[in-house]
Amino acid sequence: MAMCEIAVKFDEDERALIQSLADTAGMSFPEFVKRAALEKAEDMADTEAYDEALDADDGIRYPMEEVVRMAAEAE
């Protein structure tokens, strides 16, 4: 996969905070920022999938005993 480089500007206080957290995590500044951005993207995708699941929810709920019985019958 091709890699691309981007520039992100932080003020000195932001940079110091992020560097401190990166140091605590044992990561470089770029690695910390990359991981944080990817985690945020994954969180947003999860939230979108959850919202879609809620929209499609038919409201039917089953007790655990029924789920186990249905799974056993499906085998």
PDB file of N, CA and C in Angstrom:
ATOM      1  N   MET A   1       0.851  -1.176   0.000  1.00  0.00           N
ATOM      2  CA  MET A   1       0.000   0.000   0.000  1.00  0.00           C
ATOM      3  C   MET A   1       0.894   1.235   0.000  1.00  0.00           C
ATOM      4  N   ALA A   2       0.578   2.179  -0.822  1.00  0.00           N
ATOM      5  CA  ALA A   2       1.346   3.417  -0.898  1.00  0.00           C
ATOM      6  C   ALA A   2       1.065   4.266   0.337  1.00  0.00           C
ATOM      7  N   MET A   3       2.085   4.887   0.827  1.00  0.00           N
ATOM      8  CA  MET A   3       1.952   5.755   1.996  1.00  0.00           C
ATOM      9  C   MET A   3       1.968   7.198   1.517  1.00  0.00           C
ATOM     10  N   CYS A   4       1.249   8.057   2.208  1.00  0.00           N
ATOM     11  CA  CYS A   4       1.306   9.471   1.898  1.00  0.00           C
ATOM     12  C   CYS A   4       1.646  10.218   3.178  1.00  0.00           C
ATOM     13  N   GLU A   5       2.189  11.372   3.002  1.00  0.00           N
ATOM     14  CA  GLU A   5       2.585  12.185   4.146  1.00  0.00           C
ATOM     15  C   GLU A   5       1.674  13.401   4.186  1.00  0.00           C
ATOM     16  N   ILE A   6       1.229  13.750   5.401  1.00  0.00           N
ATOM     17  CA  ILE A   6       0.410  14.950   5.564  1.00  0.00           C
ATOM     18  C   ILE A   6       1.027  15.815   6.654  1.00  0.00           C
ATOM     19  N   ALA A   7       0.664  17.056   6.668  1.00  0.00           N
ATOM     20  CA  ALA A   7       1.126  17.977   7.703  1.00  0.00           C
ATOM     21  C   ALA A   7      -0.079  18.411   8.527  1.00  0.00           C
ATOM     22  N   VAL A   8       0.074  18.346   9.825  1.00  0.00           N
ATOM     23  CA  VAL A   8      -0.958  18.810  10.748  1.00  0.00           C
ATOM     24  C   VAL A   8      -0.297  19.814  11.677  1.00  0.00           C
ATOM     25  N   LYS A   9      -0.913  20.960  11.848  1.00  0.00           N
ATOM     26  CA  LYS A   9      -0.327  21.998  12.691  1.00  0.00           C
ATOM     27  C   LYS A   9      -0.987  21.982  14.072  1.00  0.00           C
ATOM     28  N   PHE A  10      -0.138  21.985  15.096  1.00  0.00           N
ATOM     29  CA  PHE A  10      -0.580  22.063  16.483  1.00  0.00           C
ATOM     30  C   PHE A  10       0.068  23.288  17.111  1.00  0.00           C
ATOM     31  N   ASP A  11      -0.670  23.941  18.014  1.00  0.00           N
ATOM     32  CA  ASP A  11       0.009  24.996  18.767  1.00  0.00           C
ATOM     33  C   ASP A  11       0.915  24.315  19.794  1.00  0.00           C
ATOM     34  N   GLU A  12       1.776  25.092  20.433  1.00  0.00           N
ATOM     35  CA  GLU A  12       2.795  24.516  21.318  1.00  0.00           C
ATOM     36  C   GLU A  12       2.174  23.748  22.483  1.00  0.00           C
ATOM     37  N   ASP A  13       1.078  24.238  23.059  1.00  0.00           N
ATOM     38  CA  ASP A  13       0.429  23.527  24.168  1.00  0.00           C
ATOM     39  C   ASP A  13      -0.147  22.188  23.710  1.00  0.00           C
ATOM     40  N   GLU A  14      -0.769  22.185  22.546  1.00  0.00           N
ATOM     41  CA  GLU A  14      -1.305  20.928  21.998  1.00  0.00           C
ATOM     42  C   GLU A  14      -0.186  19.929  21.728  1.00  0.00           C
ATOM     43  N   ARG A  15       0.892  20.428  21.119  1.00  0.00           N
ATOM     44  CA  ARG A  15       2.017  19.556  20.812  1.00  0.00           C
ATOM     45  C   ARG A  15       2.606  18.954  22.081  1.00  0.00           C
ATOM     46  N   ALA A  16       2.766  19.787  23.115  1.00  0.00           N
ATOM     47  CA  ALA A  16       3.340  19.319  24.379  1.00  0.00           C
ATOM     48  C   ALA A  16       2.442  18.267  25.031  1.00  0.00           C
ATOM     49  N   LEU A  17       1.136  18.492  24.997  1.00  0.00           N
ATOM     50  CA  LEU A  17       0.196  17.513  25.564  1.00  0.00           C
ATOM     51  C   LEU A  17       0.283  16.189  24.821  1.00  0.00           C
ATOM     52  N   ILE A  18       0.223  16.256  23.513  1.00  0.00           N
ATOM     53  CA  ILE A  18       0.273  15.032  22.707  1.00  0.00           C
ATOM     54  C   ILE A  18       1.612  14.324  22.891  1.00  0.00           C
ATOM     55  N   GLN A  19       2.703  15.083  22.931  1.00  0.00           N
ATOM     56  CA  GLN A  19       4.025  14.469  23.117  1.00  0.00           C
ATOM     57  C   GLN A  19       4.118  13.781  24.466  1.00  0.00           C
ATOM     58  N   SER A  20       3.570  14.410  25.492  1.00  0.00           N
ATOM     59  CA  SER A  20       3.573  13.810  26.825  1.00  0.00           C
ATOM     60  C   SER A  20       2.808  12.497  26.847  1.00  0.00           C
ATOM     61  N   LEU A  21       1.650  12.488  26.215  1.00  0.00           N
ATOM     62  CA  LEU A  21       0.847  11.265  26.159  1.00  0.00           C
ATOM     63  C   LEU A  21       1.529  10.192  25.319  1.00  0.00           C
ATOM     64  N   ALA A  22       2.147  10.599  24.226  1.00  0.00           N
ATOM     65  CA  ALA A  22       2.876   9.656  23.381  1.00  0.00           C
ATOM     66  C   ALA A  22       4.037   9.049  24.156  1.00  0.00           C
ATOM     67  N   ASP A  23       4.766   9.873  24.900  1.00  0.00           N
ATOM     68  CA  ASP A  23       5.876   9.373  25.717  1.00  0.00           C
ATOM     69  C   ASP A  23       5.377   8.364  26.749  1.00  0.00           C
ATOM     70  N   THR A  24       4.276   8.691  27.412  1.00  0.00           N
ATOM     71  CA  THR A  24       3.704   7.795  28.413  1.00  0.00           C
ATOM     72  C   THR A  24       3.314   6.458  27.793  1.00  0.00           C
ATOM     73  N   ALA A  25       2.810   6.505  26.570  1.00  0.00           N
ATOM     74  CA  ALA A  25       2.395   5.285  25.869  1.00  0.00           C
ATOM     75  C   ALA A  25       3.572   4.565  25.206  1.00  0.00           C
ATOM     76  N   GLY A  26       4.749   5.173  25.252  1.00  0.00           N
ATOM     77  CA  GLY A  26       5.919   4.567  24.622  1.00  0.00           C
ATOM     78  C   GLY A  26       5.871   4.608  23.102  1.00  0.00           C
ATOM     79  N   MET A  27       5.266   5.654  22.564  1.00  0.00           N
ATOM     80  CA  MET A  27       5.131   5.802  21.118  1.00  0.00           C
ATOM     81  C   MET A  27       5.787   7.090  20.667  1.00  0.00           C
ATOM     82  N   SER A  28       6.112   7.133  19.393  1.00  0.00           N
ATOM     83  CA  SER A  28       6.575   8.390  18.813  1.00  0.00           C
ATOM     84  C   SER A  28       5.363   9.306  18.623  1.00  0.00           C
ATOM     85  N   PHE A  29       5.637  10.581  18.464  1.00  0.00           N
ATOM     86  CA  PHE A  29       4.562  11.550  18.218  1.00  0.00           C
ATOM     87  C   PHE A  29       3.740  11.170  16.987  1.00  0.00           C
ATOM     88  N   PRO A  30       4.386  10.892  15.829  1.00  0.00           N
ATOM     89  CA  PRO A  30       3.598  10.544  14.642  1.00  0.00           C
ATOM     90  C   PRO A  30       2.778   9.260  14.825  1.00  0.00           C
ATOM     91  N   GLU A  31       3.362   8.259  15.483  1.00  0.00           N
ATOM     92  CA  GLU A  31       2.627   7.010  15.704  1.00  0.00           C
ATOM     93  C   GLU A  31       1.409   7.254  16.584  1.00  0.00           C
ATOM     94  N   PHE A  32       1.571   8.061  17.638  1.00  0.00           N
ATOM     95  CA  PHE A  32       0.461   8.366  18.540  1.00  0.00           C
ATOM     96  C   PHE A  32      -0.659   9.082  17.796  1.00  0.00           C
ATOM     97  N   VAL A  33      -0.304  10.095  17.009  1.00  0.00           N
ATOM     98  CA  VAL A  33      -1.309  10.854  16.264  1.00  0.00           C
ATOM     99  C   VAL A  33      -2.011   9.963  15.245  1.00  0.00           C
ATOM    100  N   LYS A  34      -1.246   9.120  14.542  1.00  0.00           N
ATOM    101  CA  LYS A  34      -1.840   8.211  13.551  1.00  0.00           C
ATOM    102  C   LYS A  34      -2.823   7.261  14.215  1.00  0.00           C
ATOM    103  N   ARG A  35      -2.401   6.642  15.322  1.00  0.00           N
ATOM    104  CA  ARG A  35      -3.291   5.700  16.008  1.00  0.00           C
ATOM    105  C   ARG A  35      -4.539   6.391  16.532  1.00  0.00           C
ATOM    106  N   ALA A  36      -4.377   7.593  17.074  1.00  0.00           N
ATOM    107  CA  ALA A  36      -5.527   8.336  17.590  1.00  0.00           C
ATOM    108  C   ALA A  36      -6.520   8.650  16.473  1.00  0.00           C
ATOM    109  N   ALA A  37      -6.006   9.056  15.312  1.00  0.00           N
ATOM    110  CA  ALA A  37      -6.882   9.365  14.181  1.00  0.00           C
ATOM    111  C   ALA A  37      -7.615   8.115  13.703  1.00  0.00           C
ATOM    112  N   LEU A  38      -6.897   6.996  13.612  1.00  0.00           N
ATOM    113  CA  LEU A  38      -7.535   5.752  13.164  1.00  0.00           C
ATOM    114  C   LEU A  38      -8.568   5.259  14.168  1.00  0.00           C
ATOM    115  N   GLU A  39      -8.273   5.375  15.467  1.00  0.00           N
ATOM    116  CA  GLU A  39      -9.243   4.977  16.486  1.00  0.00           C
ATOM    117  C   GLU A  39     -10.502   5.841  16.406  1.00  0.00           C
ATOM    118  N   LYS A  40     -10.333   7.133  16.182  1.00  0.00           N
ATOM    119  CA  LYS A  40     -11.486   8.032  16.048  1.00  0.00           C
ATOM    120  C   LYS A  40     -12.323   7.649  14.838  1.00  0.00           C
ATOM    121  N   ALA A  41     -11.672   7.333  13.720  1.00  0.00           N
ATOM    122  CA  ALA A  41     -12.396   6.918  12.514  1.00  0.00           C
ATOM    123  C   ALA A  41     -13.165   5.631  12.770  1.00  0.00           C
ATOM    124  N   GLU A  42     -12.541   4.673  13.473  1.00  0.00           N
ATOM    125  CA  GLU A  42     -13.216   3.414  13.789  1.00  0.00           C
ATOM    126  C   GLU A  42     -14.398   3.655  14.723  1.00  0.00           C
ATOM    127  N   ASP A  43     -14.227   4.529  15.721  1.00  0.00           N
ATOM    128  CA  ASP A  43     -15.327   4.863  16.631  1.00  0.00           C
ATOM    129  C   ASP A  43     -16.507   5.460  15.875  1.00  0.00           C
ATOM    130  N   MET A  44     -16.212   6.345  14.941  1.00  0.00           N
ATOM    131  CA  MET A  44     -17.285   6.971  14.161  1.00  0.00           C
ATOM    132  C   MET A  44     -17.994   5.945  13.286  1.00  0.00           C
ATOM    133  N   ALA A  45     -17.250   5.007  12.693  1.00  0.00           N
ATOM    134  CA  ALA A  45     -17.858   3.953  11.875  1.00  0.00           C
ATOM    135  C   ALA A  45     -18.718   3.043  12.749  1.00  0.00           C
ATOM    136  N   ASP A  46     -18.235   2.729  13.955  1.00  0.00           N
ATOM    137  CA  ASP A  46     -19.016   1.897  14.881  1.00  0.00           C
ATOM    138  C   ASP A  46     -20.315   2.594  15.280  1.00  0.00           C
ATOM    139  N   THR A  47     -20.235   3.888  15.545  1.00  0.00           N
ATOM    140  CA  THR A  47     -21.429   4.646  15.917  1.00  0.00           C
ATOM    141  C   THR A  47     -22.437   4.662  14.775  1.00  0.00           C
ATOM    142  N   GLU A  48     -21.944   4.829  13.555  1.00  0.00           N
ATOM    143  CA  GLU A  48     -22.830   4.816  12.393  1.00  0.00           C
ATOM    144  C   GLU A  48     -23.501   3.446  12.234  1.00  0.00           C
ATOM    145  N   ALA A  49     -22.735   2.374  12.400  1.00  0.00           N
ATOM    146  CA  ALA A  49     -23.298   1.023  12.290  1.00  0.00           C
ATOM    147  C   ALA A  49     -24.321   0.778  13.389  1.00  0.00           C
ATOM    148  N   TYR A  50     -24.047   1.251  14.591  1.00  0.00           N
ATOM    149  CA  TYR A  50     -24.985   1.115  15.703  1.00  0.00           C
ATOM    150  C   TYR A  50     -26.286   1.858  15.414  1.00  0.00           C
ATOM    151  N   ASP A  51     -26.169   3.095  14.924  1.00  0.00           N
ATOM    152  CA  ASP A  51     -27.361   3.874  14.588  1.00  0.00           C
ATOM    153  C   ASP A  51     -28.187   3.185  13.502  1.00  0.00           C
ATOM    154  N   GLU A  52     -27.519   2.614  12.507  1.00  0.00           N
ATOM    155  CA  GLU A  52     -28.228   1.881  11.454  1.00  0.00           C
ATOM    156  C   GLU A  52     -28.922   0.653  12.020  1.00  0.00           C
ATOM    157  N   ALA A  53     -28.265  -0.046  12.937  1.00  0.00           N
ATOM    158  CA  ALA A  53     -28.874  -1.224  13.567  1.00  0.00           C
ATOM    159  C   ALA A  53     -30.097  -0.825  14.384  1.00  0.00           C
ATOM    160  N   LEU A  54     -30.007   0.299  15.090  1.00  0.00           N
ATOM    161  CA  LEU A  54     -31.162   0.775  15.853  1.00  0.00           C
ATOM    162  C   LEU A  54     -32.330   1.111  14.929  1.00  0.00           C
ATOM    163  N   ASP A  55     -32.032   1.725  13.800  1.00  0.00           N
ATOM    164  CA  ASP A  55     -33.085   2.079  12.845  1.00  0.00           C
ATOM    165  C   ASP A  55     -33.776   0.833  12.299  1.00  0.00           C
ATOM    166  N   ALA A  56     -33.014  -0.259  12.158  1.00  0.00           N
ATOM    167  CA  ALA A  56     -33.569  -1.496  11.602  1.00  0.00           C
ATOM    168  C   ALA A  56     -34.149  -2.416  12.680  1.00  0.00           C
ATOM    169  N   ASP A  57     -34.020  -2.042  13.940  1.00  0.00           N
ATOM    170  CA  ASP A  57     -34.471  -2.889  15.051  1.00  0.00           C
ATOM    171  C   ASP A  57     -35.984  -3.057  15.014  1.00  0.00           C
ATOM    172  N   ASP A  58     -36.415  -4.316  15.044  1.00  0.00           N
ATOM    173  CA  ASP A  58     -37.851  -4.587  15.012  1.00  0.00           C
ATOM    174  C   ASP A  58     -38.460  -4.673  16.411  1.00  0.00           C
ATOM    175  N   GLY A  59     -37.638  -4.528  17.452  1.00  0.00           N
ATOM    176  CA  GLY A  59     -38.137  -4.509  18.818  1.00  0.00           C
ATOM    177  C   GLY A  59     -38.347  -5.875  19.441  1.00  0.00           C
ATOM    178  N   ILE A  60     -38.168  -6.942  18.676  1.00  0.00           N
ATOM    179  CA  ILE A  60     -38.356  -8.286  19.209  1.00  0.00           C
ATOM    180  C   ILE A  60     -37.157  -8.650  20.085  1.00  0.00           C
ATOM    181  N   ARG A  61     -37.442  -9.155  21.277  1.00  0.00           N
ATOM    182  CA  ARG A  61     -36.408  -9.584  22.204  1.00  0.00           C
ATOM    183  C   ARG A  61     -36.690 -11.031  22.617  1.00  0.00           C
ATOM    184  N   TYR A  62     -35.634 -11.789  22.831  1.00  0.00           N
ATOM    185  CA  TYR A  62     -35.755 -13.178  23.232  1.00  0.00           C
ATOM    186  C   TYR A  62     -34.995 -13.402  24.532  1.00  0.00           C
ATOM    187  N   PRO A  63     -35.572 -14.188  25.449  1.00  0.00           N
ATOM    188  CA  PRO A  63     -34.810 -14.544  26.649  1.00  0.00           C
ATOM    189  C   PRO A  63     -33.671 -15.499  26.273  1.00  0.00           C
ATOM    190  N   MET A  64     -32.620 -15.535  27.080  1.00  0.00           N
ATOM    191  CA  MET A  64     -31.444 -16.339  26.780  1.00  0.00           C
ATOM    192  C   MET A  64     -31.803 -17.806  26.568  1.00  0.00           C
ATOM    193  N   GLU A  65     -32.714 -18.317  27.344  1.00  0.00           N
ATOM    194  CA  GLU A  65     -33.108 -19.727  27.189  1.00  0.00           C
ATOM    195  C   GLU A  65     -33.654 -19.998  25.788  1.00  0.00           C
ATOM    196  N   GLU A  66     -34.408 -19.048  25.266  1.00  0.00           N
ATOM    197  CA  GLU A  66     -34.974 -19.191  23.924  1.00  0.00           C
ATOM    198  C   GLU A  66     -33.878 -19.124  22.869  1.00  0.00           C
ATOM    199  N   VAL A  67     -32.916 -18.241  23.060  1.00  0.00           N
ATOM    200  CA  VAL A  67     -31.795 -18.132  22.119  1.00  0.00           C
ATOM    201  C   VAL A  67     -31.010 -19.423  22.082  1.00  0.00           C
ATOM    202  N   VAL A  68     -30.740 -20.003  23.247  1.00  0.00           N
ATOM    203  CA  VAL A  68     -29.998 -21.267  23.321  1.00  0.00           C
ATOM    204  C   VAL A  68     -30.784 -22.371  22.623  1.00  0.00           C
ATOM    205  N   ARG A  69     -32.103 -22.425  22.864  1.00  0.00           N
ATOM    206  CA  ARG A  69     -32.941 -23.447  22.230  1.00  0.00           C
ATOM    207  C   ARG A  69     -32.945 -23.276  20.711  1.00  0.00           C
ATOM    208  N   MET A  70     -33.068 -22.039  20.248  1.00  0.00           N
ATOM    209  CA  MET A  70     -33.086 -21.778  18.815  1.00  0.00           C
ATOM    210  C   MET A  70     -31.737 -22.155  18.176  1.00  0.00           C
ATOM    211  N   ALA A  71     -30.641 -21.892  18.861  1.00  0.00           N
ATOM    212  CA  ALA A  71     -29.321 -22.243  18.349  1.00  0.00           C
ATOM    213  C   ALA A  71     -29.151 -23.751  18.277  1.00  0.00           C
ATOM    214  N   ALA A  72     -29.650 -24.464  19.286  1.00  0.00           N
ATOM    215  CA  ALA A  72     -29.547 -25.928  19.312  1.00  0.00           C
ATOM    216  C   ALA A  72     -30.364 -26.529  18.191  1.00  0.00           C
ATOM    217  N   GLU A  73     -31.528 -25.980  17.916  1.00  0.00           N
ATOM    218  CA  GLU A  73     -32.370 -26.493  16.832  1.00  0.00           C
ATOM    219  C   GLU A  73     -31.757 -26.213  15.460  1.00  0.00           C
ATOM    220  N   ALA A  74     -31.000 -25.164  15.338  1.00  0.00           N
ATOM    221  CA  ALA A  74     -30.401 -24.802  14.057  1.00  0.00           C
ATOM    222  C   ALA A  74     -29.224 -25.699  13.684  1.00  0.00           C
ATOM    223  N   GLU A  75     -28.669 -26.397  14.664  1.00  0.00           N
ATOM    224  CA  GLU A  75     -27.498 -27.259  14.391  1.00  0.00           C
ATOM    225  C   GLU A  75     -27.880 -28.522  13.706  1.00  0.00           C
TER     226      GLU A  75
END
